[in-house]
Amino acid sequence: MIMRTKGQGIRDKGQGFTLVELATVTCITVVLILTFLNRVLFYQEQVERAAMIGLVTGVQSSLNMQQMGFLLRNEETKIAALATENPVNFLDEKPLNYAGEFFDPAPDAIAPGNWAFDLKSREMIYVPDHARHISFTGEGQKWIRYQVKLIQGITKEASGKGNLASVTFEPVIPYRWEI
């Protein structure tokens, strides 16, 4: 039989945690929560980037389809007009995060995580919601801007129809989204 005396360091069943044990558990819990939140933010930014690239790819595909339609109908002269149109109009459905058309939008006019079309510059604007890993060149708004650009000069030999135009959907100001 083991005899316990008070003050010998053996804890009674009803005493609970010591202050050091509680501080240790709290520190470990905080570190785990911060690590988890950092990963969640990282994955949110990855999802946002993937959705943005998906829309850019969809717009480029719809522009290619419009060009092919004009070529098949012998309406090559209409290809140049694609550079002035809102490219969202060529998509089957407008994206859920499409805020609409604006004329020279103010910085707070477009909520983060949304697309808009600037009627003045004829550019698609994306306002990132999570921009920890985006670097922009130049000054100005930290918006990602794309524009339908006209490419002249497909030669007669390649097309059989003379000098044709083509369009592409490209960033206006270079940016890097590294994640």
C-alpha atoms as a PDB file:
ATOM      1  CA  MET A   1       0.000   0.000   0.000  1.00  0.00           C
ATOM      2  CA  ILE A   2       1.395   3.409  -1.015  1.00  0.00           C
ATOM      3  CA  MET A   3       0.919   6.224   1.410  1.00  0.00           C
ATOM      4  CA  ARG A   4       0.632   9.734   0.020  1.00  0.00           C
ATOM      5  CA  THR A   5       1.427  12.776   1.963  1.00  0.00           C
ATOM      6  CA  LYS A   6       0.392  16.237   1.008  1.00  0.00           C
ATOM      7  CA  GLY A   7       3.071  18.206  -0.845  1.00  0.00           C
ATOM      8  CA  GLN A   8       5.056  15.262  -2.244  1.00  0.00           C
ATOM      9  CA  GLY A   9       4.282  16.162  -5.880  1.00  0.00           C
ATOM     10  CA  ILE A  10       1.674  13.497  -6.557  1.00  0.00           C
ATOM     11  CA  ARG A  11      -1.451  15.165  -7.827  1.00  0.00           C
ATOM     12  CA  ASP A  12      -4.849  14.427  -6.363  1.00  0.00           C
ATOM     13  CA  LYS A  13      -7.525  13.426  -8.881  1.00  0.00           C
ATOM     14  CA  GLY A  14      -9.503  16.653  -8.478  1.00  0.00           C
ATOM     15  CA  GLN A  15      -6.693  19.175  -8.940  1.00  0.00           C
ATOM     16  CA  GLY A  16      -6.761  19.728 -12.791  1.00  0.00           C
ATOM     17  CA  PHE A  17      -4.040  21.274 -14.942  1.00  0.00           C
ATOM     18  CA  THR A  18      -1.180  23.334 -13.694  1.00  0.00           C
ATOM     19  CA  LEU A  19      -0.609  26.764 -15.193  1.00  0.00           C
ATOM     20  CA  VAL A  20       2.420  25.542 -17.187  1.00  0.00           C
ATOM     21  CA  GLU A  21       0.422  22.677 -18.703  1.00  0.00           C
ATOM     22  CA  LEU A  22      -2.415  25.008 -19.631  1.00  0.00           C
ATOM     23  CA  ALA A  23      -0.018  27.515 -21.258  1.00  0.00           C
ATOM     24  CA  THR A  24       1.656  24.711 -23.241  1.00  0.00           C
ATOM     25  CA  VAL A  25      -1.634  23.341 -24.532  1.00  0.00           C
ATOM     26  CA  THR A  26      -2.786  26.860 -25.420  1.00  0.00           C
ATOM     27  CA  CYS A  27       0.437  27.612 -27.341  1.00  0.00           C
ATOM     28  CA  ILE A  28       0.225  24.357 -29.287  1.00  0.00           C
ATOM     29  CA  THR A  29      -3.439  25.002 -30.102  1.00  0.00           C
ATOM     30  CA  VAL A  30      -2.698  28.539 -31.312  1.00  0.00           C
ATOM     31  CA  VAL A  31       0.145  27.308 -33.540  1.00  0.00           C
ATOM     32  CA  LEU A  32      -2.095  24.629 -35.059  1.00  0.00           C
ATOM     33  CA  ILE A  33      -4.926  27.109 -35.685  1.00  0.00           C
ATOM     34  CA  LEU A  34      -2.572  29.633 -37.322  1.00  0.00           C
ATOM     35  CA  THR A  35      -1.087  26.918 -39.537  1.00  0.00           C
ATOM     36  CA  PHE A  36      -4.566  25.788 -40.523  1.00  0.00           C
ATOM     37  CA  LEU A  37      -5.711  29.351 -41.308  1.00  0.00           C
ATOM     38  CA  ASN A  38      -2.581  29.996 -43.381  1.00  0.00           C
ATOM     39  CA  ARG A  39      -3.311  26.876 -45.446  1.00  0.00           C
ATOM     40  CA  VAL A  40      -6.963  27.881 -45.857  1.00  0.00           C
ATOM     41  CA  LEU A  41      -5.938  31.317 -47.172  1.00  0.00           C
ATOM     42  CA  PHE A  42      -3.420  29.692 -49.515  1.00  0.00           C
ATOM     43  CA  TYR A  43      -6.055  27.341 -50.929  1.00  0.00           C
ATOM     44  CA  GLN A  44      -8.603  30.144 -51.244  1.00  0.00           C
ATOM     45  CA  GLU A  45      -6.102  32.091 -53.327  1.00  0.00           C
ATOM     46  CA  GLN A  46      -5.388  29.019 -55.470  1.00  0.00           C
ATOM     47  CA  VAL A  47      -9.101  28.525 -56.101  1.00  0.00           C
ATOM     48  CA  GLU A  48      -9.527  32.201 -56.981  1.00  0.00           C
ATOM     49  CA  ARG A  49      -6.584  32.059 -59.413  1.00  0.00           C
ATOM     50  CA  ALA A  50      -7.927  28.890 -61.037  1.00  0.00           C
ATOM     51  CA  ALA A  51     -11.386  30.453 -61.451  1.00  0.00           C
ATOM     52  CA  MET A  52      -9.872  33.588 -62.979  1.00  0.00           C
ATOM     53  CA  ILE A  53      -7.758  31.578 -65.426  1.00  0.00           C
ATOM     54  CA  GLY A  54     -10.814  29.477 -66.252  1.00  0.00           C
ATOM     55  CA  LEU A  55     -12.769  32.571 -67.249  1.00  0.00           C
ATOM     56  CA  VAL A  56      -9.857  33.917 -69.307  1.00  0.00           C
ATOM     57  CA  THR A  57      -9.630  30.575 -71.108  1.00  0.00           C
ATOM     58  CA  GLY A  58     -13.387  30.564 -71.687  1.00  0.00           C
ATOM     59  CA  VAL A  59     -13.286  34.063 -73.156  1.00  0.00           C
ATOM     60  CA  GLN A  60     -10.405  33.136 -75.461  1.00  0.00           C
ATOM     61  CA  SER A  61     -12.299  30.041 -76.615  1.00  0.00           C
ATOM     62  CA  SER A  62     -15.459  32.038 -77.291  1.00  0.00           C
ATOM     63  CA  LEU A  63     -13.441  34.599 -79.269  1.00  0.00           C
ATOM     64  CA  ASN A  64     -11.928  31.780 -81.322  1.00  0.00           C
ATOM     65  CA  MET A  65     -15.412  30.429 -82.025  1.00  0.00           C
ATOM     66  CA  GLN A  66     -16.604  33.887 -83.123  1.00  0.00           C
ATOM     67  CA  GLN A  67     -13.607  34.219 -85.462  1.00  0.00           C
ATOM     68  CA  MET A  68     -14.211  30.791 -86.974  1.00  0.00           C
ATOM     69  CA  GLY A  69     -17.873  31.638 -87.500  1.00  0.00           C
ATOM     70  CA  PHE A  70     -16.947  34.818 -89.367  1.00  0.00           C
ATOM     71  CA  LEU A  71     -14.418  32.930 -91.492  1.00  0.00           C
ATOM     72  CA  LEU A  72     -16.904  30.195 -92.346  1.00  0.00           C
ATOM     73  CA  ARG A  73     -19.515  32.774 -93.385  1.00  0.00           C
ATOM     74  CA  ASN A  74     -16.927  34.758 -95.410  1.00  0.00           C
ATOM     75  CA  GLU A  75     -17.344  37.735 -93.074  1.00  0.00           C
ATOM     76  CA  GLU A  76     -13.652  38.260 -92.273  1.00  0.00           C
ATOM     77  CA  THR A  77     -14.126  42.035 -92.040  1.00  0.00           C
ATOM     78  CA  LYS A  78     -16.227  41.561 -88.881  1.00  0.00           C
ATOM     79  CA  ILE A  79     -13.326  40.010 -86.956  1.00  0.00           C
ATOM     80  CA  ALA A  80     -11.826  43.437 -86.219  1.00  0.00           C
ATOM     81  CA  ALA A  81     -15.059  44.484 -84.488  1.00  0.00           C
ATOM     82  CA  LEU A  82     -14.503  41.799 -81.843  1.00  0.00           C
ATOM     83  CA  ALA A  83     -11.760  43.971 -80.346  1.00  0.00           C
ATOM     84  CA  THR A  84     -14.320  46.621 -79.339  1.00  0.00           C
ATOM     85  CA  GLU A  85     -17.000  44.302 -77.941  1.00  0.00           C
ATOM     86  CA  ASN A  86     -17.487  43.173 -74.362  1.00  0.00           C
ATOM     87  CA  PRO A  87     -16.115  39.610 -74.475  1.00  0.00           C
ATOM     88  CA  VAL A  88     -18.500  38.451 -71.750  1.00  0.00           C
ATOM     89  CA  ASN A  89     -21.301  38.803 -74.306  1.00  0.00           C
ATOM     90  CA  PHE A  90     -19.812  35.904 -76.276  1.00  0.00           C
ATOM     91  CA  LEU A  91     -19.987  33.485 -73.348  1.00  0.00           C
ATOM     92  CA  ASP A  92     -22.962  31.136 -73.034  1.00  0.00           C
ATOM     93  CA  GLU A  93     -23.604  32.397 -69.505  1.00  0.00           C
ATOM     94  CA  LYS A  94     -22.280  35.430 -67.693  1.00  0.00           C
ATOM     95  CA  PRO A  95     -20.091  34.473 -64.725  1.00  0.00           C
ATOM     96  CA  LEU A  96     -21.674  34.740 -61.294  1.00  0.00           C
ATOM     97  CA  ASN A  97     -18.914  37.138 -60.258  1.00  0.00           C
ATOM     98  CA  TYR A  98     -19.477  39.494 -63.210  1.00  0.00           C
ATOM     99  CA  ALA A  99     -20.384  42.934 -61.829  1.00  0.00           C
ATOM    100  CA  GLY A 100     -21.382  44.432 -65.191  1.00  0.00           C
ATOM    101  CA  GLU A 101     -20.231  47.288 -67.396  1.00  0.00           C
ATOM    102  CA  PHE A 102     -18.787  50.509 -66.004  1.00  0.00           C
ATOM    103  CA  PHE A 103     -17.472  53.662 -67.602  1.00  0.00           C
ATOM    104  CA  ASP A 104     -14.049  54.294 -66.019  1.00  0.00           C
ATOM    105  CA  PRO A 105     -14.889  52.585 -62.700  1.00  0.00           C
ATOM    106  CA  ALA A 106     -13.819  54.085 -59.389  1.00  0.00           C
ATOM    107  CA  PRO A 107     -11.519  51.983 -57.174  1.00  0.00           C
ATOM    108  CA  ASP A 108     -14.375  50.920 -54.889  1.00  0.00           C
ATOM    109  CA  ALA A 109     -16.943  50.359 -57.670  1.00  0.00           C
ATOM    110  CA  ILE A 110     -16.021  46.693 -58.171  1.00  0.00           C
ATOM    111  CA  ALA A 111     -16.051  44.382 -55.175  1.00  0.00           C
ATOM    112  CA  PRO A 112     -13.021  42.128 -54.685  1.00  0.00           C
ATOM    113  CA  GLY A 113     -13.349  38.784 -56.425  1.00  0.00           C
ATOM    114  CA  ASN A 114     -15.425  40.217 -59.285  1.00  0.00           C
ATOM    115  CA  TRP A 115     -15.047  40.930 -62.990  1.00  0.00           C
ATOM    116  CA  ALA A 116     -16.269  44.042 -64.793  1.00  0.00           C
ATOM    117  CA  PHE A 117     -15.990  45.554 -68.246  1.00  0.00           C
ATOM    118  CA  ASP A 118     -14.627  49.094 -68.546  1.00  0.00           C
ATOM    119  CA  LEU A 119     -16.513  50.820 -71.361  1.00  0.00           C
ATOM    120  CA  LYS A 120     -13.914  53.591 -71.576  1.00  0.00           C
ATOM    121  CA  SER A 121     -10.773  51.474 -72.016  1.00  0.00           C
ATOM    122  CA  ARG A 122     -12.615  48.416 -73.439  1.00  0.00           C
ATOM    123  CA  GLU A 123     -10.908  46.183 -70.866  1.00  0.00           C
ATOM    124  CA  MET A 124     -12.049  43.324 -68.673  1.00  0.00           C
ATOM    125  CA  ILE A 125     -11.084  44.072 -65.078  1.00  0.00           C
ATOM    126  CA  TYR A 126     -10.634  41.507 -62.343  1.00  0.00           C
ATOM    127  CA  VAL A 127     -10.282  42.747 -58.759  1.00  0.00           C
ATOM    128  CA  PRO A 128      -8.492  40.030 -56.754  1.00  0.00           C
ATOM    129  CA  ASP A 129      -9.906  39.142 -53.368  1.00  0.00           C
ATOM    130  CA  HIS A 130      -6.778  37.310 -52.203  1.00  0.00           C
ATOM    131  CA  ALA A 131      -3.699  39.004 -53.610  1.00  0.00           C
ATOM    132  CA  ARG A 132      -0.903  37.920 -51.289  1.00  0.00           C
ATOM    133  CA  HIS A 133       1.035  36.277 -54.117  1.00  0.00           C
ATOM    134  CA  ILE A 134       0.342  38.713 -56.972  1.00  0.00           C
ATOM    135  CA  SER A 135       2.956  41.171 -58.147  1.00  0.00           C
ATOM    136  CA  PHE A 136       2.109  43.944 -60.569  1.00  0.00           C
ATOM    137  CA  THR A 137       4.382  45.977 -62.785  1.00  0.00           C
ATOM    138  CA  GLY A 138       3.807  49.698 -62.812  1.00  0.00           C
ATOM    139  CA  GLU A 139       1.690  51.964 -60.695  1.00  0.00           C
ATOM    140  CA  GLY A 140      -2.055  52.301 -60.388  1.00  0.00           C
ATOM    141  CA  GLN A 141      -4.866  50.033 -59.312  1.00  0.00           C
ATOM    142  CA  LYS A 142      -3.987  46.523 -58.263  1.00  0.00           C
ATOM    143  CA  TRP A 143      -6.447  45.141 -60.780  1.00  0.00           C
ATOM    144  CA  ILE A 144      -5.825  42.454 -63.339  1.00  0.00           C
ATOM    145  CA  ARG A 145      -6.830  43.829 -66.735  1.00  0.00           C
ATOM    146  CA  TYR A 146      -7.389  41.905 -69.959  1.00  0.00           C
ATOM    147  CA  GLN A 147      -8.214  43.251 -73.379  1.00  0.00           C
ATOM    148  CA  VAL A 148      -9.228  41.790 -76.712  1.00  0.00           C
ATOM    149  CA  LYS A 149      -6.357  42.716 -79.014  1.00  0.00           C
ATOM    150  CA  LEU A 150      -6.431  42.781 -82.778  1.00  0.00           C
ATOM    151  CA  ILE A 151      -3.604  40.981 -84.557  1.00  0.00           C
ATOM    152  CA  GLN A 152      -3.092  41.957 -88.178  1.00  0.00           C
ATOM    153  CA  GLY A 153      -1.200  40.096 -90.812  1.00  0.00           C
ATOM    154  CA  ILE A 154      -2.117  36.474 -91.354  1.00  0.00           C
ATOM    155  CA  THR A 155      -0.633  36.038 -94.798  1.00  0.00           C
ATOM    156  CA  LYS A 156      -2.417  34.976 -97.954  1.00  0.00           C
ATOM    157  CA  GLU A 157      -0.439  31.760 -98.148  1.00  0.00           C
ATOM    158  CA  ALA A 158      -1.625  30.665 -94.708  1.00  0.00           C
ATOM    159  CA  SER A 159      -5.270  31.580 -95.141  1.00  0.00           C
ATOM    160  CA  GLY A 160      -5.872  31.683 -98.868  1.00  0.00           C
ATOM    161  CA  LYS A 161      -7.891  34.898 -98.442  1.00  0.00           C
ATOM    162  CA  GLY A 162      -5.343  37.694 -98.304  1.00  0.00           C
ATOM    163  CA  ASN A 163      -4.295  39.683 -95.245  1.00  0.00           C
ATOM    164  CA  LEU A 164      -6.626  38.745 -92.355  1.00  0.00           C
ATOM    165  CA  ALA A 165      -7.049  39.933 -88.810  1.00  0.00           C
ATOM    166  CA  SER A 166      -7.285  37.798 -85.704  1.00  0.00           C
ATOM    167  CA  VAL A 167      -8.030  38.569 -82.063  1.00  0.00           C
ATOM    168  CA  THR A 168      -6.574  37.359 -78.796  1.00  0.00           C
ATOM    169  CA  PHE A 169      -7.401  37.965 -75.127  1.00  0.00           C
ATOM    170  CA  GLU A 170      -4.277  39.207 -73.333  1.00  0.00           C
ATOM    171  CA  PRO A 171      -3.311  40.994 -70.131  1.00  0.00           C
ATOM    172  CA  VAL A 172      -2.950  44.751 -70.547  1.00  0.00           C
ATOM    173  CA  ILE A 173      -0.354  45.157 -67.780  1.00  0.00           C
ATOM    174  CA  PRO A 174       1.880  42.192 -66.954  1.00  0.00           C
ATOM    175  CA  TYR A 175       1.366  40.563 -63.581  1.00  0.00           C
ATOM    176  CA  ARG A 176       2.633  37.459 -61.794  1.00  0.00           C
ATOM    177  CA  TRP A 177       0.453  35.298 -59.615  1.00  0.00           C
ATOM    178  CA  GLU A 178       2.860  32.887 -57.975  1.00  0.00           C
ATOM    179  CA  ILE A 179       1.274  30.204 -55.854  1.00  0.00           C
END
